[in-house]
């Protein structure tokens, strides 16, 4: 019975560890040229981190306008609502939430491996086949 539980828990653990999306560094040019809007995050020179969801911002001229969350870099728990414009040239560490192909391949490979392991365990423990 322990073998079956482990065979089920391993793919669940892989789902937790390997997300299909992650924040990846991008340039300001990539922000302008993105076809579909992504969730974005950036840090400013005053030590604040901003997070904007895809549906909550728009890019106009050289600035980003919308509403998002603002927090200190060293204290991520105290967040406040930010609404307004921010110049793209003042953004540092600009990141976009995009598909992570490596994580997807690891996830799919882990699930297939766990299924193969489960099939092997079931084959070896079957009283009819032995």
C-alpha atoms as a PDB file:
ATOM      1  CA  UNK A   1       0.000   0.000   0.000  1.00  0.00           C
ATOM      2  CA  UNK A   2       2.905   2.367   0.737  1.00  0.00           C
ATOM      3  CA  UNK A   3       4.159   1.959  -2.818  1.00  0.00           C
ATOM      4  CA  UNK A   4       0.856   3.168  -4.257  1.00  0.00           C
ATOM      5  CA  UNK A   5       0.703   6.160  -1.928  1.00  0.00           C
ATOM      6  CA  UNK A   6       4.263   7.160  -2.878  1.00  0.00           C
ATOM      7  CA  UNK A   7       3.480   6.747  -6.558  1.00  0.00           C
ATOM      8  CA  UNK A   8       0.596   9.188  -6.167  1.00  0.00           C
ATOM      9  CA  UNK A   9       2.443  11.662  -3.957  1.00  0.00           C
ATOM     10  CA  UNK A  10       5.484  12.004  -6.232  1.00  0.00           C
ATOM     11  CA  UNK A  11       3.516  13.600  -9.118  1.00  0.00           C
ATOM     12  CA  UNK A  12       1.719  15.827  -6.612  1.00  0.00           C
ATOM     13  CA  UNK A  13       5.079  17.014  -5.284  1.00  0.00           C
ATOM     14  CA  UNK A  14       6.276  17.673  -8.818  1.00  0.00           C
ATOM     15  CA  UNK A  15       3.198  19.798  -9.466  1.00  0.00           C
ATOM     16  CA  UNK A  16       4.057  21.916  -6.424  1.00  0.00           C
ATOM     17  CA  UNK A  17       7.747  22.319  -7.270  1.00  0.00           C
ATOM     18  CA  UNK A  18       7.477  22.865 -11.014  1.00  0.00           C
ATOM     19  CA  UNK A  19       5.034  25.539 -12.045  1.00  0.00           C
ATOM     20  CA  UNK A  20       4.376  26.120 -15.698  1.00  0.00           C
ATOM     21  CA  UNK A  21       4.773  29.889 -15.349  1.00  0.00           C
ATOM     22  CA  UNK A  22       7.481  31.927 -13.677  1.00  0.00           C
ATOM     23  CA  UNK A  23       8.713  35.510 -13.613  1.00  0.00           C
ATOM     24  CA  UNK A  24      11.476  35.977 -16.189  1.00  0.00           C
ATOM     25  CA  UNK A  25      13.655  39.041 -16.712  1.00  0.00           C
ATOM     26  CA  UNK A  26      12.708  41.118 -19.732  1.00  0.00           C
ATOM     27  CA  UNK A  27      13.890  44.372 -21.254  1.00  0.00           C
ATOM     28  CA  UNK A  28      11.836  47.515 -21.748  1.00  0.00           C
ATOM     29  CA  UNK A  29      11.744  46.790 -25.488  1.00  0.00           C
ATOM     30  CA  UNK A  30      10.160  43.403 -24.808  1.00  0.00           C
ATOM     31  CA  UNK A  31       7.560  45.109 -22.621  1.00  0.00           C
ATOM     32  CA  UNK A  32       6.612  47.419 -25.501  1.00  0.00           C
ATOM     33  CA  UNK A  33       6.516  44.638 -28.090  1.00  0.00           C
ATOM     34  CA  UNK A  34       4.660  41.933 -26.144  1.00  0.00           C
ATOM     35  CA  UNK A  35       1.757  40.521 -28.134  1.00  0.00           C
ATOM     36  CA  UNK A  36      -0.246  39.386 -25.133  1.00  0.00           C
ATOM     37  CA  UNK A  37       0.035  41.186 -21.859  1.00  0.00           C
ATOM     38  CA  UNK A  38       1.644  39.276 -19.009  1.00  0.00           C
ATOM     39  CA  UNK A  39       1.627  39.936 -15.295  1.00  0.00           C
ATOM     40  CA  UNK A  40       4.636  42.157 -14.676  1.00  0.00           C
ATOM     41  CA  UNK A  41       6.778  43.007 -11.716  1.00  0.00           C
ATOM     42  CA  UNK A  42       9.505  45.604 -11.332  1.00  0.00           C
ATOM     43  CA  UNK A  43      11.654  47.306  -8.732  1.00  0.00           C
ATOM     44  CA  UNK A  44      12.277  51.039  -8.551  1.00  0.00           C
ATOM     45  CA  UNK A  45      15.295  52.965  -7.277  1.00  0.00           C
ATOM     46  CA  UNK A  46      13.564  53.770  -3.951  1.00  0.00           C
ATOM     47  CA  UNK A  47      13.435  50.124  -2.880  1.00  0.00           C
ATOM     48  CA  UNK A  48       9.815  49.394  -3.771  1.00  0.00           C
ATOM     49  CA  UNK A  49       8.529  46.391  -5.677  1.00  0.00           C
ATOM     50  CA  UNK A  50       5.440  46.697  -7.890  1.00  0.00           C
ATOM     51  CA  UNK A  51       3.193  43.945  -9.214  1.00  0.00           C
ATOM     52  CA  UNK A  52       0.626  44.505 -11.964  1.00  0.00           C
ATOM     53  CA  UNK A  53      -1.804  41.854 -13.209  1.00  0.00           C
ATOM     54  CA  UNK A  54      -2.246  41.611 -16.987  1.00  0.00           C
ATOM     55  CA  UNK A  55      -5.741  43.106 -17.029  1.00  0.00           C
ATOM     56  CA  UNK A  56      -4.871  45.988 -14.674  1.00  0.00           C
ATOM     57  CA  UNK A  57      -2.362  48.025 -16.691  1.00  0.00           C
ATOM     58  CA  UNK A  58      -1.825  49.683 -20.052  1.00  0.00           C
ATOM     59  CA  UNK A  59       1.311  50.966 -21.740  1.00  0.00           C
ATOM     60  CA  UNK A  60       1.117  54.431 -23.228  1.00  0.00           C
ATOM     61  CA  UNK A  61       4.049  56.393 -24.624  1.00  0.00           C
ATOM     62  CA  UNK A  62       6.924  55.800 -22.198  1.00  0.00           C
ATOM     63  CA  UNK A  63       4.918  54.921 -19.105  1.00  0.00           C
ATOM     64  CA  UNK A  64       2.875  52.175 -17.567  1.00  0.00           C
ATOM     65  CA  UNK A  65      -0.507  53.204 -16.211  1.00  0.00           C
ATOM     66  CA  UNK A  66      -2.786  51.138 -14.034  1.00  0.00           C
ATOM     67  CA  UNK A  67      -3.353  49.720 -10.600  1.00  0.00           C
ATOM     68  CA  UNK A  68      -1.238  47.185  -8.796  1.00  0.00           C
ATOM     69  CA  UNK A  69       0.408  46.278  -5.518  1.00  0.00           C
ATOM     70  CA  UNK A  70       3.364  48.127  -4.055  1.00  0.00           C
ATOM     71  CA  UNK A  71       5.595  46.819  -1.275  1.00  0.00           C
ATOM     72  CA  UNK A  72       9.057  47.363   0.164  1.00  0.00           C
ATOM     73  CA  UNK A  73      11.649  44.919  -1.151  1.00  0.00           C
ATOM     74  CA  UNK A  74      12.642  43.845   2.344  1.00  0.00           C
ATOM     75  CA  UNK A  75       9.042  43.597   3.637  1.00  0.00           C
ATOM     76  CA  UNK A  76       6.810  41.763   1.172  1.00  0.00           C
ATOM     77  CA  UNK A  77       3.988  41.328   3.701  1.00  0.00           C
ATOM     78  CA  UNK A  78       2.936  44.976   3.950  1.00  0.00           C
ATOM     79  CA  UNK A  79       1.414  45.756   0.574  1.00  0.00           C
ATOM     80  CA  UNK A  80      -0.473  48.813  -0.488  1.00  0.00           C
ATOM     81  CA  UNK A  81      -2.530  49.601  -3.554  1.00  0.00           C
ATOM     82  CA  UNK A  82      -0.776  51.682  -6.200  1.00  0.00           C
ATOM     83  CA  UNK A  83      -2.779  53.506  -8.830  1.00  0.00           C
ATOM     84  CA  UNK A  84      -1.221  55.839 -11.348  1.00  0.00           C
ATOM     85  CA  UNK A  85       1.583  56.124 -13.898  1.00  0.00           C
ATOM     86  CA  UNK A  86       5.174  54.974 -13.709  1.00  0.00           C
ATOM     87  CA  UNK A  87       7.898  55.783 -16.253  1.00  0.00           C
ATOM     88  CA  UNK A  88       9.284  52.662 -17.900  1.00  0.00           C
ATOM     89  CA  UNK A  89      12.768  54.188 -17.982  1.00  0.00           C
ATOM     90  CA  UNK A  90      12.754  54.309 -14.141  1.00  0.00           C
ATOM     91  CA  UNK A  91      11.994  50.583 -13.797  1.00  0.00           C
ATOM     92  CA  UNK A  92      14.745  48.226 -12.697  1.00  0.00           C
ATOM     93  CA  UNK A  93      14.610  44.420 -12.697  1.00  0.00           C
ATOM     94  CA  UNK A  94      11.614  44.280 -15.002  1.00  0.00           C
ATOM     95  CA  UNK A  95      10.034  40.795 -15.049  1.00  0.00           C
ATOM     96  CA  UNK A  96       7.113  39.196 -16.848  1.00  0.00           C
ATOM     97  CA  UNK A  97       5.174  36.083 -15.832  1.00  0.00           C
ATOM     98  CA  UNK A  98       5.674  33.775 -18.804  1.00  0.00           C
ATOM     99  CA  UNK A  99       5.608  30.084 -19.654  1.00  0.00           C
ATOM    100  CA  UNK A 100       8.640  28.223 -18.407  1.00  0.00           C
ATOM    101  CA  UNK A 101       9.331  25.503 -20.985  1.00  0.00           C
ATOM    102  CA  UNK A 102      11.916  23.767 -18.784  1.00  0.00           C
ATOM    103  CA  UNK A 103       9.452  23.480 -15.918  1.00  0.00           C
ATOM    104  CA  UNK A 104       6.784  22.112 -18.240  1.00  0.00           C
ATOM    105  CA  UNK A 105       9.152  19.447 -19.599  1.00  0.00           C
ATOM    106  CA  UNK A 106      10.261  18.491 -16.075  1.00  0.00           C
ATOM    107  CA  UNK A 107       6.658  18.248 -14.957  1.00  0.00           C
ATOM    108  CA  UNK A 108       5.567  16.093 -17.884  1.00  0.00           C
ATOM    109  CA  UNK A 109       8.674  13.891 -17.592  1.00  0.00           C
ATOM    110  CA  UNK A 110       8.129  13.469 -13.844  1.00  0.00           C
ATOM    111  CA  UNK A 111       4.508  12.467 -14.280  1.00  0.00           C
ATOM    112  CA  UNK A 112       5.378   9.979 -17.032  1.00  0.00           C
ATOM    113  CA  UNK A 113       8.182   8.564 -14.867  1.00  0.00           C
ATOM    114  CA  UNK A 114       5.839   8.215 -11.900  1.00  0.00           C
ATOM    115  CA  UNK A 115       3.263   6.440 -14.068  1.00  0.00           C
ATOM    116  CA  UNK A 116       5.911   4.033 -15.356  1.00  0.00           C
ATOM    117  CA  UNK A 117       7.015   3.379 -11.770  1.00  0.00           C
ATOM    118  CA  UNK A 118       3.418   2.805 -10.705  1.00  0.00           C
ATOM    119  CA  UNK A 119       2.900   0.347 -13.586  1.00  0.00           C
ATOM    120  CA  UNK A 120       6.094  -1.515 -12.721  1.00  0.00           C
ATOM    121  CA  UNK A 121       5.099  -1.738  -9.051  1.00  0.00           C
ATOM    122  CA  UNK A 122       1.641  -2.978  -9.978  1.00  0.00           C
ATOM    123  CA  UNK A 123       3.149  -5.551 -12.368  1.00  0.00           C
ATOM    124  CA  UNK A 124       5.605  -6.887  -9.786  1.00  0.00           C
ATOM    125  CA  UNK A 125       3.057  -7.097  -6.989  1.00  0.00           C
ATOM    126  CA  UNK A 126       0.297  -8.730  -9.014  1.00  0.00           C
ATOM    127  CA  UNK A 127      -0.417 -12.241  -7.689  1.00  0.00           C
ATOM    128  CA  UNK A 128      -1.934 -13.318 -11.008  1.00  0.00           C
ATOM    129  CA  UNK A 129       1.171 -12.516 -13.060  1.00  0.00           C
ATOM    130  CA  UNK A 130       3.658 -14.087 -10.622  1.00  0.00           C
END
